[in-house]
Amino acid sequence: MKNLPQKVRSKKLSSRVDLTAMVSVSFLLIIFFMVTVELRKQKIIDLSLPDRDFTDRWHGGCGGENGSVTILLGENNKLVSYTGLLQVPLVPPRETIYGENGIRKELYTRNKEVLEYSAARGRPGKGITVIIKPSKKCNYKNLVDILDEMAIAKIETYAIVNDFTPEESELLAVK
């Protein structure tokens, strides 16, 4: 027998795939999406709305407009406050000062009165509602100071509003 040429077999290459790089890329993508989702979360502010039966619960005494205190912020640290509606105020408008013996004491006292009145009627409430109205001439420090006073006096419900009636603008007019 003659030596027949043998078939040349091709060398089989390894069919194994190295996935090390793929795993690294996968982990990087997972970390990237975890971080971006955390950064994308919306920052929210706690908003309390009145109950549906708000008008029923607050008739007479210390409820409704009588449970609201309005604070007007003017230029040169001017601070005017009144309780109720400006046309028929429970406490007439008066100029006061920031601090322990000024607006803080007034807010704390009024809030305590409203809470006691509500408790005596068997309808525990949230206390007073403060409406803060900074004028265009008021500086940023005054707004921060009054917000600090809200926290110190433990006022739960307050709003910052920028619309003035002509009467309120007159109260802030520099004399």
Protein backbone atom coordinates (compact mmCIF):
# COMPACT_ATOMS: atom_id res chain seq x y z
CA MET A 1 0.00 0.00 0.00
CA LYS A 2 1.08 3.28 -0.90
CA ASN A 3 1.14 5.99 1.54
CA LEU A 4 -1.81 7.99 0.70
CA PRO A 5 -1.63 11.53 1.64
CA GLN A 6 -3.49 11.98 4.85
CA LYS A 7 -6.18 14.51 5.09
CA VAL A 8 -5.00 17.67 6.62
CA ARG A 9 -7.23 18.54 9.40
CA SER A 10 -7.60 22.17 10.24
CA LYS A 11 -6.92 23.15 13.74
CA LYS A 12 -10.10 23.91 15.62
CA LEU A 13 -10.04 27.24 17.36
CA SER A 14 -11.35 27.56 20.84
CA SER A 15 -15.02 28.43 20.88
CA ARG A 16 -14.77 29.90 24.36
CA VAL A 17 -15.59 33.65 24.55
CA ASP A 18 -13.97 35.75 27.24
CA LEU A 19 -16.79 37.71 28.92
CA THR A 20 -14.65 39.64 31.40
CA ALA A 21 -14.92 42.89 29.46
CA MET A 22 -18.68 42.45 28.99
CA VAL A 23 -19.20 42.00 32.75
CA SER A 24 -17.18 45.14 33.48
CA VAL A 25 -19.21 47.18 31.01
CA SER A 26 -22.47 45.80 32.44
CA PHE A 27 -21.55 46.82 35.97
CA LEU A 28 -20.55 50.29 34.81
CA LEU A 29 -23.91 50.71 33.07
CA ILE A 30 -25.81 49.52 36.14
CA ILE A 31 -23.94 51.98 38.35
CA PHE A 32 -24.51 54.79 35.84
CA PHE A 33 -28.28 54.22 35.73
CA MET A 34 -28.55 53.88 39.50
CA VAL A 35 -26.82 57.22 40.00
CA THR A 36 -28.79 59.06 37.33
CA VAL A 37 -32.13 57.77 38.66
CA GLU A 38 -31.22 59.02 42.14
CA LEU A 39 -30.31 62.44 40.76
CA ARG A 40 -33.49 62.59 38.72
CA LYS A 41 -35.86 62.11 41.67
CA GLN A 42 -38.04 65.16 42.16
CA LYS A 43 -37.54 67.22 45.24
CA ILE A 44 -40.95 67.86 46.77
CA ILE A 45 -42.24 70.21 49.39
CA ASP A 46 -44.86 69.19 51.89
CA LEU A 47 -48.17 70.79 51.00
CA SER A 48 -51.07 70.75 53.41
CA LEU A 49 -54.48 71.61 52.06
CA PRO A 50 -57.53 72.34 54.22
CA ASP A 51 -59.95 69.53 54.91
CA ARG A 52 -63.16 69.37 52.92
CA ASP A 53 -65.22 70.30 55.95
CA PHE A 54 -62.97 73.28 56.69
CA THR A 55 -65.83 75.78 56.51
CA ASP A 56 -68.03 73.66 58.75
CA ARG A 57 -65.36 73.24 61.41
CA TRP A 58 -64.33 76.89 61.57
CA HIS A 59 -67.52 78.87 62.03
CA GLY A 60 -67.29 81.70 64.53
CA GLY A 61 -64.73 82.32 67.27
CA CYS A 62 -61.19 81.63 66.15
CA GLY A 63 -61.79 80.00 62.79
CA GLY A 64 -61.87 81.09 59.17
CA GLU A 65 -60.47 84.56 58.59
CA ASN A 66 -60.16 84.98 62.36
CA GLY A 67 -57.62 82.16 62.35
CA SER A 68 -55.38 83.93 59.86
CA VAL A 69 -52.58 86.37 60.52
CA THR A 70 -51.21 88.46 57.66
CA ILE A 71 -47.63 89.74 57.79
CA LEU A 72 -46.52 92.48 55.41
CA LEU A 73 -42.77 92.87 54.80
CA GLY A 74 -41.57 96.27 53.63
CA GLU A 75 -38.32 98.07 53.05
CA ASN A 76 -35.93 98.99 55.89
CA ASN A 77 -36.99 95.94 57.96
CA LYS A 78 -40.56 97.24 58.24
CA LEU A 79 -42.97 94.57 59.48
CA VAL A 80 -46.74 95.10 59.73
CA SER A 81 -49.14 92.43 60.95
CA TYR A 82 -52.87 92.10 61.45
CA THR A 83 -55.31 89.30 62.26
CA GLY A 84 -58.43 88.58 60.22
CA LEU A 85 -59.56 90.64 57.26
CA LEU A 86 -58.06 94.10 56.79
CA GLN A 87 -61.53 95.69 56.47
CA VAL A 88 -62.69 94.21 59.82
CA PRO A 89 -59.55 93.04 61.62
CA LEU A 90 -59.67 91.06 64.84
CA VAL A 91 -56.33 92.65 65.72
CA PRO A 92 -55.77 95.95 63.86
CA PRO A 93 -52.66 96.45 61.72
CA ARG A 94 -49.62 97.46 63.70
CA GLU A 95 -45.94 97.75 63.07
CA THR A 96 -43.81 95.27 65.01
CA ILE A 97 -40.25 93.99 65.10
CA TYR A 98 -38.52 90.70 64.41
CA GLY A 99 -37.44 88.56 67.32
CA GLU A 100 -38.50 87.17 70.65
CA ASN A 101 -40.50 90.15 71.91
CA GLY A 102 -41.95 91.07 68.54
CA ILE A 103 -43.62 88.98 65.85
CA ARG A 104 -42.57 85.65 67.41
CA LYS A 105 -44.43 86.39 70.64
CA GLU A 106 -47.47 87.62 68.72
CA LEU A 107 -47.59 84.50 66.53
CA TYR A 108 -47.02 82.14 69.43
CA THR A 109 -49.76 83.78 71.54
CA ARG A 110 -52.32 83.85 68.71
CA ASN A 111 -51.58 80.24 67.74
CA LYS A 112 -51.98 79.13 71.36
CA GLU A 113 -55.35 80.93 71.61
CA VAL A 114 -56.67 79.27 68.44
CA LEU A 115 -55.49 75.81 69.53
CA GLU A 116 -57.07 76.23 72.97
CA TYR A 117 -60.34 77.45 71.45
CA SER A 118 -60.42 74.47 69.09
CA ALA A 119 -59.66 72.01 71.88
CA ALA A 120 -62.38 73.52 74.09
CA ARG A 121 -64.90 72.98 71.28
CA GLY A 122 -63.76 69.35 70.87
CA ARG A 123 -62.41 70.06 67.39
CA PRO A 124 -58.62 69.95 67.52
CA GLY A 125 -57.22 72.13 64.77
CA LYS A 126 -53.90 72.99 63.22
CA GLY A 127 -53.61 76.47 64.68
CA ILE A 128 -53.40 79.70 62.76
CA THR A 129 -52.65 80.21 59.11
CA VAL A 130 -50.05 82.89 58.40
CA ILE A 131 -50.04 84.79 55.12
CA ILE A 132 -46.63 86.32 54.41
CA LYS A 133 -46.62 89.14 51.87
CA PRO A 134 -43.14 90.40 50.97
CA SER A 135 -43.15 93.66 49.04
CA LYS A 136 -40.88 94.29 46.07
CA LYS A 137 -38.78 96.58 48.26
CA CYS A 138 -38.30 94.00 51.02
CA ASN A 139 -34.89 92.34 51.15
CA TYR A 140 -34.26 88.59 51.08
CA LYS A 141 -32.96 88.54 54.66
CA ASN A 142 -36.34 89.72 55.97
CA LEU A 143 -38.12 86.86 54.21
CA VAL A 144 -35.65 84.33 55.62
CA ASP A 145 -36.05 85.87 59.09
CA ILE A 146 -39.84 85.57 59.00
CA LEU A 147 -39.60 81.96 57.82
CA ASP A 148 -37.30 81.30 60.77
CA GLU A 149 -39.91 82.86 63.05
CA MET A 150 -42.51 80.45 61.61
CA ALA A 151 -40.31 77.49 62.54
CA ILE A 152 -39.50 78.81 66.02
CA ALA A 153 -43.15 79.65 66.82
CA LYS A 154 -44.16 76.20 65.49
CA ILE A 155 -46.59 77.57 62.89
CA GLU A 156 -47.58 74.63 60.70
CA THR A 157 -49.49 76.42 57.97
CA TYR A 158 -48.21 79.48 56.17
CA ALA A 159 -48.13 80.83 52.64
CA ILE A 160 -46.02 83.36 50.79
CA VAL A 161 -48.17 85.58 48.59
CA ASN A 162 -47.08 88.54 46.48
CA ASP A 163 -50.34 90.33 45.71
CA PHE A 164 -51.07 93.46 47.71
CA THR A 165 -54.31 95.36 48.01
CA PRO A 166 -54.02 99.15 47.80
CA GLU A 167 -54.77 99.35 51.54
CA GLU A 168 -51.91 96.97 52.35
CA SER A 169 -49.53 98.94 50.14
CA GLU A 170 -50.57 102.05 52.02
CA LEU A 171 -49.71 100.38 55.35
CA LEU A 172 -46.15 99.77 54.09
CA ALA A 173 -45.68 103.27 52.67
CA VAL A 174 -42.68 105.03 54.14
CA LYS A 175 -43.75 108.05 56.14
